[in-house]
Amino acid sequence: MMKWKRTLWILWTSNFIAVAGVSLIIPFLPLYIEELGVHQLRDVNLWSGWIFAAQSVTAVIFQPLWGAMADKYGRKAMLLRAGIGMAIMTILMGFVSAPWQLLVLRLINGVFSGFISMSVSLQASVTPDKDAGKALGTLQTGQMAGSLIGPLIGGILAEAFGFRDVFVLTGLLLLAASIVVMIFVDKGVPVRAKENDNARGAGHWRTMTPLIPIFVATMVTQIGMMSIQPILSIYTKLLYHGVHLEFIAGLVVSITGVANLIGSPLLGRFGDRVGQRKILIFSLVMSGLTFIPQALTDNITVLLIGRFLLGLFVGGMLPSLNVLVKKLAPPDVQARAFGYNSSANFLATCSALYWEVRCPRYLTSVTFSISP
């Protein structure tokens, strides 16, 4: 098996474990806050919003820093740094006694975050350009599969063992993902040339300028995916008046992720043939168009189809954006470029979570907002 394919399946497994682990806590976090002594509904919603957002706030700041460190010391080292650091912080979350302690740990967790972005950067660095779309699209499915399965398992485990044990289990899963990378992925070699070690300031920013449209597109994509998350369940209730409302509401949320599993490798592979820029423009336009029937319909079936198509086309955007970062960023600052791209993603998450706080009555499971 080719080295890049072997690395792909190892990183796919570790990403699935990491995202599934982090997603375990999504269904019960507001309930955990109640257990910590917050009982007023308004206060629970407020704490939930801030605790959800805390990790993204610090991640926005630190992602480029870790990317620069990866360029200098190797991507694998930064991948292990993220996985082990987040594992420790998550385990500690199971032992807090007040919501402010949970908030602080989430903020610190954001400092360590970057497991996914470093996985993408590592995979991009070992994959030939002609196979990059297929590889990064396939890697994306590991993240999506974890985000879909994690909340379901988390709800079951929380009911069976209690909230605190799930935090410990989540930390152990993150540690397991790190061990998988440590043992099976070849040691990363620093790609930053010695003559560029002192390159800073205007020179650094000039190398990033061509990538700014990519960063903006990443942010727009994430906002598009999450923009109506806070009201999606209530919107479903307005359209559907039959039985099994909870199941239908869950289906409306999850069907986008299922479509993403299909679209990411399919359109990523197609992008390798016709060019990622064409696939990106096509996917952006089509994703925007899918919102029109969703907004105008009074039929739940149309909403489900619209959400499925949205996930399908967003699945084409994500690998295309990552491949363009790989192709446009100079090799010696490629990991830093992926760090900035990850910051754009976290910044979009912060914006979406702001509306979660502004609409606390509609606070829902933020399936796409937690990124390790």
Protein backbone atom coordinates (compact mmCIF):
# COMPACT_ATOMS: atom_id res chain seq x y z
CA MET A 1 0.00 0.00 0.00
CA MET A 2 1.24 3.50 -0.87
CA LYS A 3 2.48 5.55 2.08
CA TRP A 4 -0.17 8.26 1.65
CA LYS A 5 -2.97 5.67 1.57
CA ARG A 6 -1.68 3.97 4.71
CA THR A 7 -1.46 7.35 6.46
CA LEU A 8 -4.98 8.20 5.26
CA TRP A 9 -6.62 5.19 6.88
CA ILE A 10 -4.69 5.62 10.09
CA LEU A 11 -5.68 9.29 10.31
CA TRP A 12 -9.26 8.41 9.31
CA THR A 13 -9.46 6.04 12.27
CA SER A 14 -7.91 8.49 14.70
CA ASN A 15 -10.15 11.34 13.48
CA PHE A 16 -13.23 9.17 13.86
CA ILE A 17 -12.22 8.24 17.40
CA ALA A 18 -11.37 11.84 18.32
CA VAL A 19 -14.52 13.45 16.90
CA ALA A 20 -16.81 10.70 18.20
CA GLY A 21 -15.22 11.11 21.61
CA VAL A 22 -15.62 14.88 21.69
CA SER A 23 -19.19 14.59 20.37
CA LEU A 24 -20.14 12.27 23.23
CA ILE A 25 -20.64 15.26 25.53
CA ILE A 26 -22.94 17.24 23.23
CA PRO A 27 -26.34 15.79 24.22
CA PHE A 28 -26.02 16.25 27.98
CA LEU A 29 -23.83 19.33 28.51
CA PRO A 30 -26.79 21.54 29.60
CA LEU A 31 -27.88 18.77 31.98
CA TYR A 32 -24.36 18.56 33.38
CA ILE A 33 -24.47 22.30 34.06
CA GLU A 34 -27.67 21.76 36.04
CA GLU A 35 -25.91 19.06 38.05
CA LEU A 36 -23.21 21.63 38.87
CA GLY A 37 -25.76 23.80 40.66
CA VAL A 38 -27.33 26.00 37.97
CA HIS A 39 -31.10 25.51 38.03
CA GLN A 40 -32.74 28.55 36.41
CA LEU A 41 -33.49 27.81 32.74
CA ARG A 42 -32.16 31.17 31.59
CA ASP A 43 -28.89 30.66 33.49
CA VAL A 44 -28.49 27.10 32.20
CA ASN A 45 -28.90 28.32 28.61
CA LEU A 46 -26.47 31.17 29.16
CA TRP A 47 -23.79 28.94 30.70
CA SER A 48 -24.35 26.34 27.96
CA GLY A 49 -23.80 28.92 25.24
CA TRP A 50 -20.60 30.28 26.77
CA ILE A 51 -19.19 26.84 27.56
CA PHE A 52 -19.94 25.61 24.03
CA ALA A 53 -18.26 28.70 22.56
CA ALA A 54 -15.25 28.88 24.90
CA GLN A 55 -13.15 26.31 23.07
CA SER A 56 -13.66 28.03 19.73
CA VAL A 57 -12.70 31.45 21.13
CA THR A 58 -9.21 30.39 22.21
CA ALA A 59 -8.77 28.07 19.22
CA VAL A 60 -9.18 31.02 16.84
CA ILE A 61 -6.11 32.62 18.43
CA PHE A 62 -3.86 29.60 18.82
CA GLN A 63 -4.42 27.65 15.57
CA PRO A 64 -1.97 29.73 13.48
CA LEU A 65 0.63 29.48 16.26
CA TRP A 66 0.46 25.68 16.32
CA GLY A 67 0.56 25.67 12.52
CA ALA A 68 3.82 27.65 12.59
CA MET A 69 5.21 25.22 15.18
CA ALA A 70 4.22 22.30 12.93
CA ASP A 71 6.12 23.82 10.01
CA LYS A 72 9.19 24.03 12.21
CA TYR A 73 9.03 20.86 14.31
CA GLY A 74 6.77 18.52 12.34
CA ARG A 75 3.04 17.89 11.99
CA LYS A 76 3.01 14.64 13.91
CA ALA A 77 4.42 16.34 17.01
CA MET A 78 1.65 18.95 16.91
CA LEU A 79 -0.96 16.25 16.31
CA LEU A 80 0.16 14.46 19.47
CA ARG A 81 0.30 17.75 21.36
CA ALA A 82 -3.34 18.43 20.47
CA GLY A 83 -4.61 14.94 21.22
CA ILE A 84 -2.84 14.47 24.56
CA GLY A 85 -3.55 18.03 25.76
CA MET A 86 -7.26 17.80 24.94
CA ALA A 87 -7.45 14.33 26.51
CA ILE A 88 -6.13 15.65 29.84
CA MET A 89 -8.42 18.70 29.82
CA THR A 90 -11.49 16.59 28.97
CA ILE A 91 -10.80 14.09 31.76
CA LEU A 92 -10.47 16.99 34.21
CA MET A 93 -13.93 18.23 33.10
CA GLY A 94 -15.39 15.16 34.74
CA PHE A 95 -14.15 16.33 38.14
CA VAL A 96 -15.30 19.96 38.23
CA SER A 97 -17.61 21.24 40.96
CA ALA A 98 -18.78 24.53 39.43
CA PRO A 99 -19.70 25.75 35.92
CA TRP A 100 -16.93 28.38 35.88
CA GLN A 101 -14.38 25.59 36.28
CA LEU A 102 -15.87 23.85 33.25
CA LEU A 103 -15.68 27.13 31.34
CA VAL A 104 -12.00 27.58 32.20
CA LEU A 105 -11.17 24.02 31.13
CA ARG A 106 -13.00 24.54 27.83
CA LEU A 107 -10.97 27.71 27.23
CA ILE A 108 -7.74 25.80 27.90
CA ASN A 109 -8.99 22.96 25.72
CA GLY A 110 -9.23 25.45 22.86
CA VAL A 111 -5.58 26.33 23.38
CA PHE A 112 -4.62 22.68 22.83
CA SER A 113 -7.08 22.06 19.99
CA GLY A 114 -5.94 21.40 16.45
CA PHE A 115 -6.12 17.62 16.11
CA ILE A 116 -8.28 17.82 12.98
CA SER A 117 -6.41 20.65 11.29
CA MET A 118 -3.05 18.96 11.92
CA SER A 119 -4.46 15.68 10.57
CA VAL A 120 -5.52 17.45 7.38
CA SER A 121 -2.15 19.19 7.13
CA LEU A 122 -0.24 15.93 7.68
CA GLN A 123 -2.33 14.07 5.12
CA ALA A 124 -1.97 16.90 2.60
CA SER A 125 1.82 16.88 3.02
CA VAL A 126 2.18 13.19 2.07
CA THR A 127 -0.48 13.01 -0.67
CA PRO A 128 0.32 13.68 -4.35
CA ASP A 129 -1.58 16.64 -5.82
CA LYS A 130 -3.41 14.38 -8.26
CA ASP A 131 -4.97 12.40 -5.37
CA ALA A 132 -5.38 15.21 -2.84
CA GLY A 133 -9.12 15.74 -3.34
CA LYS A 134 -9.91 12.06 -2.95
CA ALA A 135 -7.68 11.72 0.11
CA LEU A 136 -8.88 14.83 1.96
CA GLY A 137 -12.50 14.10 1.05
CA THR A 138 -12.18 10.60 2.48
CA LEU A 139 -10.51 11.99 5.61
CA GLN A 140 -13.48 14.34 6.01
CA THR A 141 -15.85 11.36 6.20
CA GLY A 142 -14.06 10.12 9.32
CA GLN A 143 -14.83 13.39 11.06
CA MET A 144 -18.45 13.40 9.90
CA ALA A 145 -19.04 9.77 10.89
CA GLY A 146 -17.69 10.52 14.35
CA SER A 147 -19.87 13.62 14.73
CA LEU A 148 -22.98 11.65 13.76
CA ILE A 149 -22.37 8.62 15.96
CA GLY A 150 -20.85 10.41 18.97
CA PRO A 151 -23.96 12.24 20.25
CA LEU A 152 -26.08 9.09 20.01
CA ILE A 153 -23.57 7.03 21.98
CA GLY A 154 -23.01 9.89 24.43
CA GLY A 155 -26.67 10.08 25.33
CA ILE A 156 -26.81 6.35 25.97
CA LEU A 157 -23.61 6.32 28.05
CA ALA A 158 -24.63 9.35 30.09
CA GLU A 159 -27.87 7.65 31.06
CA ALA A 160 -26.11 4.38 31.87
CA PHE A 161 -23.01 5.63 33.72
CA GLY A 162 -23.50 9.31 34.52
CA PHE A 163 -22.17 12.53 33.05
CA ARG A 164 -18.78 12.55 34.74
CA ASP A 165 -17.81 9.10 33.52
CA VAL A 166 -18.52 10.15 29.93
CA PHE A 167 -16.02 13.01 30.22
CA VAL A 168 -13.40 10.53 31.42
CA LEU A 169 -14.28 8.15 28.58
CA THR A 170 -14.05 11.01 26.07
CA GLY A 171 -10.58 11.89 27.33
CA LEU A 172 -9.49 8.27 27.06
CA LEU A 173 -10.79 8.11 23.47
CA LEU A 174 -8.76 11.21 22.59
CA LEU A 175 -5.74 9.59 24.19
CA ALA A 176 -6.39 6.42 22.20
CA ALA A 177 -6.55 8.42 18.96
CA SER A 178 -3.19 10.00 19.85
CA ILE A 179 -1.65 6.60 20.55
CA VAL A 180 -2.85 5.32 17.17
CA VAL A 181 -1.04 8.23 15.50
CA MET A 182 2.05 7.83 17.69
CA ILE A 183 2.49 4.15 16.82
CA PHE A 184 1.34 3.88 13.22
CA VAL A 185 2.09 7.23 11.54
CA ASP A 186 5.65 7.86 10.44
CA LYS A 187 7.51 10.60 12.27
CA GLY A 188 6.89 13.96 10.70
CA VAL A 189 9.89 15.73 9.26
CA PRO A 190 10.10 19.51 9.61
CA VAL A 191 9.58 20.99 6.15
CA ARG A 192 10.46 24.56 6.96
CA ALA A 193 13.76 25.47 5.36
CA LYS A 194 16.47 26.84 7.62
CA GLU A 195 16.92 29.93 5.51
CA ASN A 196 13.28 30.80 6.20
CA ASP A 197 13.44 30.40 9.97
CA ASN A 198 13.69 34.16 10.43
CA ALA A 199 11.03 35.02 7.86
CA ARG A 200 8.45 37.12 9.64
CA GLY A 201 6.37 40.25 9.32
CA ALA A 202 5.50 41.51 5.85
CA GLY A 203 7.12 38.49 4.13
CA HIS A 204 4.94 36.09 6.09
CA TRP A 205 1.77 37.97 5.32
CA ARG A 206 2.61 38.17 1.62
CA THR A 207 2.68 34.37 1.46
CA MET A 208 -0.78 34.24 3.07
CA THR A 209 -2.43 36.90 0.89
CA PRO A 210 -3.41 34.53 -1.97
CA LEU A 211 -5.08 32.29 0.62
CA ILE A 212 -7.37 34.95 2.12
CA PRO A 213 -10.27 34.10 -0.27
CA ILE A 214 -9.93 30.46 0.81
CA PHE A 215 -10.12 31.41 4.49
CA VAL A 216 -13.20 33.56 3.81
CA ALA A 217 -14.84 30.72 1.88
CA THR A 218 -14.14 28.35 4.77
CA MET A 219 -15.80 30.73 7.20
CA VAL A 220 -18.81 31.21 4.91
CA THR A 221 -19.16 27.45 4.48
CA GLN A 222 -19.20 26.84 8.23
CA ILE A 223 -21.65 29.67 8.85
CA GLY A 224 -23.89 28.27 6.12
CA MET A 225 -23.84 24.85 7.75
CA MET A 226 -24.62 26.18 11.22
CA SER A 227 -26.63 29.33 10.59
CA ILE A 228 -30.03 27.83 11.31
CA GLN A 229 -28.93 25.16 13.78
CA PRO A 230 -30.44 27.04 16.77
CA ILE A 231 -33.92 27.12 15.22
CA LEU A 232 -33.88 23.98 13.10
CA SER A 233 -35.88 21.88 15.55
CA ILE A 234 -38.48 24.60 16.07
CA TYR A 235 -38.72 25.12 12.30
CA THR A 236 -39.33 21.40 11.89
CA LYS A 237 -42.14 21.64 14.43
CA LEU A 238 -43.78 24.40 12.38
CA LEU A 239 -43.75 22.24 9.25
CA TYR A 240 -44.51 18.81 10.70
CA HIS A 241 -47.55 18.02 12.84
CA GLY A 242 -47.57 14.24 12.73
CA VAL A 243 -46.35 11.57 15.11
CA HIS A 244 -42.73 10.91 16.09
CA LEU A 245 -41.81 14.61 16.01
CA GLU A 246 -38.58 14.02 17.93
CA PHE A 247 -37.43 11.45 15.38
CA ILE A 248 -38.21 13.74 12.44
CA ALA A 249 -36.43 16.66 14.10
CA GLY A 250 -33.37 14.48 14.65
CA LEU A 251 -33.53 13.30 11.05
CA VAL A 252 -33.61 16.89 9.76
CA VAL A 253 -30.43 17.63 11.72
CA SER A 254 -28.57 14.42 10.90
CA ILE A 255 -29.46 14.04 7.22
CA THR A 256 -27.06 16.86 6.32
CA GLY A 257 -24.20 14.94 7.91
CA VAL A 258 -25.19 11.74 6.12
CA ALA A 259 -25.15 13.58 2.79
CA ASN A 260 -21.77 15.04 3.68
CA LEU A 261 -20.40 11.51 4.03
CA ILE A 262 -21.44 10.91 0.42
CA GLY A 263 -20.43 14.26 -1.03
CA SER A 264 -16.96 14.67 0.47
CA PRO A 265 -15.19 11.69 -1.18
CA LEU A 266 -17.33 11.80 -4.34
CA LEU A 267 -16.85 15.48 -5.17
CA GLY A 268 -13.32 15.43 -3.80
CA ARG A 269 -12.41 12.72 -6.31
CA PHE A 270 -14.20 14.62 -9.07
CA GLY A 271 -12.24 17.74 -8.13
CA ASP A 272 -9.00 15.85 -8.79
CA ARG A 273 -10.18 15.42 -12.40
CA VAL A 274 -11.70 18.81 -13.26
CA GLY A 275 -10.01 21.08 -10.72
CA GLN A 276 -10.91 21.99 -7.13
CA ARG A 277 -11.66 25.62 -8.01
CA LYS A 278 -14.48 24.57 -10.36
CA ILE A 279 -15.92 22.17 -7.79
CA LEU A 280 -15.70 24.84 -5.09
CA ILE A 281 -17.57 27.46 -7.14
CA PHE A 282 -20.18 24.90 -8.20
CA SER A 283 -20.68 23.69 -4.63
CA LEU A 284 -20.91 27.23 -3.21
CA VAL A 285 -23.57 28.24 -5.73
CA MET A 286 -25.58 25.06 -5.33
CA SER A 287 -25.38 25.19 -1.52
CA GLY A 288 -26.78 28.72 -1.57
CA LEU A 289 -29.62 27.64 -3.86
CA THR A 290 -30.61 24.80 -1.53
CA PHE A 291 -31.60 27.33 1.15
CA ILE A 292 -34.33 28.85 -1.06
CA PRO A 293 -36.74 25.87 -1.03
CA GLN A 294 -35.95 25.32 2.66
CA ALA A 295 -37.06 28.87 3.43
CA LEU A 296 -40.17 28.86 1.24
CA THR A 297 -41.57 25.39 1.83
CA ASP A 298 -44.39 24.33 4.08
CA ASN A 299 -43.64 20.64 3.51
CA ILE A 300 -41.31 18.60 5.71
CA THR A 301 -40.24 16.42 2.76
CA VAL A 302 -38.93 19.45 0.88
CA LEU A 303 -37.02 20.52 3.98
CA LEU A 304 -35.43 17.07 4.27
CA ILE A 305 -34.43 17.08 0.59
CA GLY A 306 -33.01 20.60 0.93
CA ARG A 307 -30.97 19.66 3.98
CA PHE A 308 -29.67 16.55 2.23
CA LEU A 309 -28.60 18.52 -0.85
CA LEU A 310 -26.96 21.14 1.37
CA GLY A 311 -24.85 18.45 3.04
CA LEU A 312 -24.00 16.94 -0.35
CA PHE A 313 -22.67 20.20 -1.80
CA VAL A 314 -20.94 21.29 1.39
CA GLY A 315 -19.21 17.93 1.20
CA GLY A 316 -17.76 19.15 -2.09
CA MET A 317 -16.56 22.42 -0.62
CA LEU A 318 -14.63 21.12 2.37
CA PRO A 319 -12.04 18.94 0.60
CA SER A 320 -11.76 21.47 -2.23
CA LEU A 321 -10.88 24.22 0.24
CA ASN A 322 -8.26 22.04 1.91
CA VAL A 323 -6.72 21.02 -1.42
CA LEU A 324 -6.50 24.67 -2.49
CA VAL A 325 -4.70 25.50 0.76
CA LYS A 326 -2.25 22.68 0.00
CA LYS A 327 -1.64 23.88 -3.55
CA LEU A 328 -1.46 27.64 -2.88
CA ALA A 329 0.57 27.64 0.34
CA PRO A 330 4.38 27.36 0.02
CA PRO A 331 5.55 24.02 1.52
CA ASP A 332 7.51 25.72 4.30
CA VAL A 333 4.39 27.49 5.68
CA GLN A 334 1.74 24.96 4.69
CA ALA A 335 0.85 23.87 8.23
CA ARG A 336 0.56 27.52 9.28
CA ALA A 337 -1.84 28.06 6.36
CA PHE A 338 -3.96 25.15 7.55
CA GLY A 339 -3.85 26.74 11.01
CA TYR A 340 -5.30 29.98 9.64
CA ASN A 341 -7.93 28.02 7.76
CA SER A 342 -8.85 26.25 10.99
CA SER A 343 -9.06 29.63 12.74
CA ALA A 344 -11.53 30.79 10.10
CA ASN A 345 -13.58 27.68 10.80
CA PHE A 346 -13.54 28.29 14.56
CA LEU A 347 -14.39 31.97 14.02
CA ALA A 348 -17.50 30.91 12.10
CA THR A 349 -18.35 28.56 14.96
CA CYS A 350 -18.07 31.44 17.42
CA SER A 351 -20.49 33.47 15.29
CA ALA A 352 -23.00 30.64 15.12
CA LEU A 353 -22.74 29.97 18.85
CA TYR A 354 -23.37 33.66 19.50
CA TRP A 355 -26.80 33.13 17.99
CA GLU A 356 -27.22 30.04 20.14
CA VAL A 357 -26.87 32.36 23.13
CA ARG A 358 -29.15 34.98 21.58
CA CYS A 359 -31.79 32.27 21.01
CA PRO A 360 -31.43 30.25 24.23
CA ARG A 361 -34.90 28.73 24.11
CA TYR A 362 -33.92 26.95 20.92
CA LEU A 363 -30.55 25.68 22.13
CA THR A 364 -30.01 22.39 20.34
CA SER A 365 -27.26 19.80 19.96
CA VAL A 366 -24.46 21.54 18.11
CA THR A 367 -23.39 18.57 16.03
CA PHE A 368 -21.14 20.57 13.70
CA SER A 369 -19.77 23.04 16.23
CA ILE A 370 -17.37 20.87 18.15
CA SER A 371 -14.11 20.35 16.36
CA PRO A 372 -11.14 18.88 18.20
